[in-house]
C-alpha cells in the first residue's frame, strides 16, 4: 500500500519548525495538526471526484486530528495560564 510514511511527515514537520525541540506530546499534537491539513486536502479531492463516503471519512479523520491537536497543544495551554 503506497502512502506517506511517518518519516516523511516527521521530516515535513522538522522543516517547518527546525528550531523547535519538543516533548512527545507536542510532537503528537504537531503531527495531528499536519494530519488535519492533509486530510482537508484529501477530502476536497474525494469530494471533487464524487466519492462522498471517502470524503466523509476523511473529514471525520480531520475533525479527530484537529480535536487532538487543540487539546494537546501544550504551547497554547502555556499561553493561557
N, C-alpha and C. Protein backbone atom coordinates (compact mmCIF):
# COMPACT_ATOMS: atom_id res chain seq x y z
N UNK A 1 0.84 -1.18 0.00
CA UNK A 1 0.00 0.00 0.00
C UNK A 1 0.88 1.23 0.00
N UNK A 2 0.73 2.07 -1.00
CA UNK A 2 1.53 3.29 -1.10
C UNK A 2 0.92 4.38 -0.23
N UNK A 3 1.76 5.24 0.28
CA UNK A 3 1.26 6.34 1.09
C UNK A 3 2.39 7.12 1.70
N UNK A 4 2.03 8.15 2.40
CA UNK A 4 3.02 8.98 3.06
C UNK A 4 3.47 8.25 4.33
N UNK A 5 4.76 8.14 4.49
CA UNK A 5 5.26 7.45 5.67
C UNK A 5 5.35 8.42 6.84
N UNK A 6 5.38 7.88 8.02
CA UNK A 6 5.51 8.73 9.20
C UNK A 6 6.82 9.50 9.13
N UNK A 7 7.84 8.87 8.60
CA UNK A 7 9.14 9.54 8.47
C UNK A 7 9.02 10.78 7.59
N UNK A 8 8.29 10.66 6.49
CA UNK A 8 8.09 11.81 5.62
C UNK A 8 7.33 12.92 6.34
N UNK A 9 6.30 12.55 7.09
CA UNK A 9 5.53 13.54 7.85
C UNK A 9 6.42 14.22 8.89
N UNK A 10 7.23 13.42 9.58
CA UNK A 10 8.12 13.99 10.59
C UNK A 10 9.15 14.92 9.95
N UNK A 11 9.64 14.56 8.79
CA UNK A 11 10.59 15.41 8.09
C UNK A 11 9.95 16.73 7.70
N UNK A 12 8.71 16.67 7.24
CA UNK A 12 8.00 17.89 6.89
C UNK A 12 7.82 18.79 8.10
N UNK A 13 7.44 18.21 9.23
CA UNK A 13 7.29 18.99 10.45
C UNK A 13 8.61 19.60 10.89
N UNK A 14 9.68 18.85 10.76
CA UNK A 14 11.01 19.34 11.16
C UNK A 14 11.42 20.52 10.28
N UNK A 15 11.09 20.47 9.01
CA UNK A 15 11.42 21.59 8.12
C UNK A 15 10.61 22.82 8.47
N UNK A 16 9.37 22.64 8.91
CA UNK A 16 8.52 23.76 9.27
C UNK A 16 8.97 24.42 10.57
N UNK A 17 9.52 23.64 11.49
CA UNK A 17 9.92 24.15 12.80
C UNK A 17 11.31 23.62 13.18
N UNK A 18 12.37 24.04 12.47
CA UNK A 18 13.70 23.48 12.75
C UNK A 18 14.26 23.84 14.12
N UNK A 19 13.86 24.97 14.66
CA UNK A 19 14.41 25.43 15.94
C UNK A 19 13.74 24.77 17.13
N UNK A 20 12.65 24.11 16.90
CA UNK A 20 11.83 23.59 17.99
C UNK A 20 12.30 22.23 18.48
N UNK A 21 12.60 22.14 19.76
CA UNK A 21 12.84 20.86 20.43
C UNK A 21 11.61 20.64 21.30
N UNK A 22 10.85 19.60 21.03
CA UNK A 22 9.57 19.46 21.71
C UNK A 22 9.45 18.12 22.42
N UNK A 23 8.46 18.09 23.30
CA UNK A 23 8.16 16.85 24.03
C UNK A 23 7.36 15.92 23.14
N UNK A 24 7.24 14.64 23.53
CA UNK A 24 6.44 13.70 22.73
C UNK A 24 4.99 14.16 22.53
N UNK A 25 4.40 14.80 23.56
CA UNK A 25 3.03 15.29 23.43
C UNK A 25 2.94 16.39 22.39
N UNK A 26 3.91 17.31 22.40
CA UNK A 26 3.93 18.37 21.39
C UNK A 26 4.14 17.79 20.01
N UNK A 27 5.01 16.77 19.90
CA UNK A 27 5.22 16.12 18.62
C UNK A 27 3.93 15.49 18.12
N UNK A 28 3.20 14.82 19.00
CA UNK A 28 1.94 14.19 18.61
C UNK A 28 0.92 15.24 18.21
N UNK A 29 0.87 16.35 18.94
CA UNK A 29 -0.06 17.43 18.60
C UNK A 29 0.30 18.04 17.26
N UNK A 30 1.59 18.22 17.00
CA UNK A 30 2.03 18.76 15.72
C UNK A 30 1.71 17.80 14.58
N UNK A 31 1.92 16.53 14.82
CA UNK A 31 1.61 15.52 13.81
C UNK A 31 0.11 15.48 13.55
N UNK A 32 -0.69 15.59 14.60
CA UNK A 32 -2.15 15.62 14.43
C UNK A 32 -2.57 16.84 13.60
N UNK A 33 -1.94 17.99 13.85
CA UNK A 33 -2.25 19.19 13.06
C UNK A 33 -1.88 18.99 11.60
N UNK A 34 -0.76 18.35 11.36
CA UNK A 34 -0.32 18.05 10.00
C UNK A 34 -1.31 17.10 9.33
N UNK A 35 -1.74 16.08 10.04
CA UNK A 35 -2.72 15.13 9.50
C UNK A 35 -4.03 15.86 9.18
N UNK A 36 -4.43 16.79 10.02
CA UNK A 36 -5.64 17.57 9.76
C UNK A 36 -5.52 18.35 8.45
N UNK A 37 -4.35 18.94 8.22
CA UNK A 37 -4.13 19.67 6.97
C UNK A 37 -4.20 18.73 5.77
N UNK A 38 -3.54 17.59 5.87
CA UNK A 38 -3.52 16.65 4.74
C UNK A 38 -4.91 16.07 4.46
N UNK A 39 -5.64 15.72 5.52
CA UNK A 39 -6.96 15.14 5.29
C UNK A 39 -7.94 16.17 4.74
N UNK A 40 -7.72 17.45 5.04
CA UNK A 40 -8.55 18.50 4.45
C UNK A 40 -8.39 18.50 2.94
N UNK A 41 -7.14 18.44 2.49
CA UNK A 41 -6.86 18.42 1.06
C UNK A 41 -7.41 17.15 0.41
N UNK A 42 -7.19 16.01 1.06
CA UNK A 42 -7.66 14.74 0.50
C UNK A 42 -9.19 14.68 0.44
N UNK A 43 -9.86 15.20 1.45
CA UNK A 43 -11.32 15.21 1.45
C UNK A 43 -11.84 16.07 0.30
N UNK A 44 -11.16 17.18 0.05
CA UNK A 44 -11.54 18.02 -1.09
C UNK A 44 -11.41 17.29 -2.41
N UNK A 45 -10.32 16.57 -2.55
CA UNK A 45 -10.12 15.77 -3.78
C UNK A 45 -11.19 14.70 -3.91
N UNK A 46 -11.50 14.04 -2.81
CA UNK A 46 -12.51 12.98 -2.84
C UNK A 46 -13.88 13.56 -3.20
N UNK A 47 -14.18 14.73 -2.67
CA UNK A 47 -15.45 15.37 -2.99
C UNK A 47 -15.56 15.72 -4.47
N UNK A 48 -14.47 16.28 -5.02
CA UNK A 48 -14.47 16.64 -6.44
C UNK A 48 -14.58 15.41 -7.33
N UNK A 49 -14.06 14.28 -6.85
CA UNK A 49 -14.10 13.03 -7.62
C UNK A 49 -15.41 12.27 -7.41
N UNK A 50 -16.34 12.88 -6.69
CA UNK A 50 -17.64 12.27 -6.40
C UNK A 50 -17.50 10.95 -5.65
N UNK A 51 -16.69 11.02 -4.61
CA UNK A 51 -16.50 9.89 -3.70
C UNK A 51 -16.98 10.33 -2.31
N UNK A 52 -18.29 10.44 -2.14
CA UNK A 52 -18.82 11.06 -0.91
C UNK A 52 -18.48 10.30 0.37
N UNK A 53 -18.49 8.99 0.33
CA UNK A 53 -18.20 8.24 1.54
C UNK A 53 -16.75 8.42 1.96
N UNK A 54 -15.85 8.41 0.99
CA UNK A 54 -14.44 8.64 1.28
C UNK A 54 -14.23 10.05 1.82
N UNK A 55 -14.88 11.04 1.20
CA UNK A 55 -14.79 12.42 1.69
C UNK A 55 -15.30 12.52 3.13
N UNK A 56 -16.39 11.81 3.42
CA UNK A 56 -16.95 11.81 4.77
C UNK A 56 -15.94 11.28 5.78
N UNK A 57 -15.34 10.13 5.48
CA UNK A 57 -14.38 9.55 6.42
C UNK A 57 -13.12 10.39 6.56
N UNK A 58 -12.69 11.00 5.48
CA UNK A 58 -11.51 11.88 5.57
C UNK A 58 -11.84 13.11 6.42
N UNK A 59 -13.04 13.64 6.28
CA UNK A 59 -13.44 14.78 7.12
C UNK A 59 -13.58 14.36 8.58
N UNK A 60 -14.03 13.14 8.81
CA UNK A 60 -14.11 12.62 10.18
C UNK A 60 -12.70 12.54 10.78
N UNK A 61 -11.75 12.05 10.00
CA UNK A 61 -10.36 11.97 10.46
C UNK A 61 -9.80 13.37 10.71
N UNK A 62 -10.16 14.32 9.85
CA UNK A 62 -9.70 15.71 10.03
C UNK A 62 -10.17 16.28 11.35
N UNK A 63 -11.45 16.09 11.65
CA UNK A 63 -12.01 16.62 12.90
C UNK A 63 -11.34 15.97 14.10
N UNK A 64 -11.16 14.67 14.06
CA UNK A 64 -10.48 13.98 15.17
C UNK A 64 -9.06 14.52 15.36
N UNK A 65 -8.35 14.72 14.26
CA UNK A 65 -6.98 15.24 14.34
C UNK A 65 -6.97 16.66 14.90
N UNK A 66 -7.92 17.49 14.47
CA UNK A 66 -8.00 18.86 14.97
C UNK A 66 -8.29 18.89 16.46
N UNK A 67 -9.19 18.04 16.91
CA UNK A 67 -9.52 17.98 18.34
C UNK A 67 -8.29 17.56 19.13
N UNK A 68 -7.61 16.52 18.67
CA UNK A 68 -6.41 16.06 19.38
C UNK A 68 -5.36 17.16 19.43
N UNK A 69 -5.12 17.79 18.29
CA UNK A 69 -4.09 18.84 18.23
C UNK A 69 -4.43 19.99 19.18
N UNK A 70 -5.69 20.40 19.19
CA UNK A 70 -6.11 21.51 20.04
C UNK A 70 -6.00 21.14 21.52
N UNK A 71 -6.43 19.95 21.88
CA UNK A 71 -6.43 19.54 23.28
C UNK A 71 -5.03 19.24 23.81
N UNK A 72 -4.09 18.94 22.93
CA UNK A 72 -2.75 18.54 23.37
C UNK A 72 -1.66 19.52 22.98
N UNK A 73 -2.03 20.69 22.52
CA UNK A 73 -1.03 21.70 22.17
C UNK A 73 -0.59 22.39 23.45
N UNK A 74 0.51 21.94 24.01
CA UNK A 74 0.98 22.49 25.29
C UNK A 74 1.44 23.93 25.17
N UNK A 75 1.86 24.34 24.00
CA UNK A 75 2.26 25.75 23.82
C UNK A 75 1.05 26.65 24.00
N UNK A 76 -0.10 26.23 23.48
CA UNK A 76 -1.33 27.00 23.60
C UNK A 76 -1.77 27.09 25.06
N UNK A 77 -1.72 25.95 25.79
CA UNK A 77 -2.14 25.97 27.17
C UNK A 77 -1.20 26.79 28.04
N UNK A 78 0.07 26.82 27.70
CA UNK A 78 1.03 27.61 28.47
C UNK A 78 0.73 29.10 28.31
N UNK A 79 0.29 29.51 27.13
CA UNK A 79 -0.03 30.92 26.90
C UNK A 79 -1.29 31.34 27.65
N UNK A 80 -2.23 30.42 27.85
CA UNK A 80 -3.47 30.74 28.52
C UNK A 80 -3.29 30.93 30.03
N UNK A 81 -2.22 30.37 30.58
CA UNK A 81 -2.00 30.44 32.04
C UNK A 81 -1.47 31.74 32.48
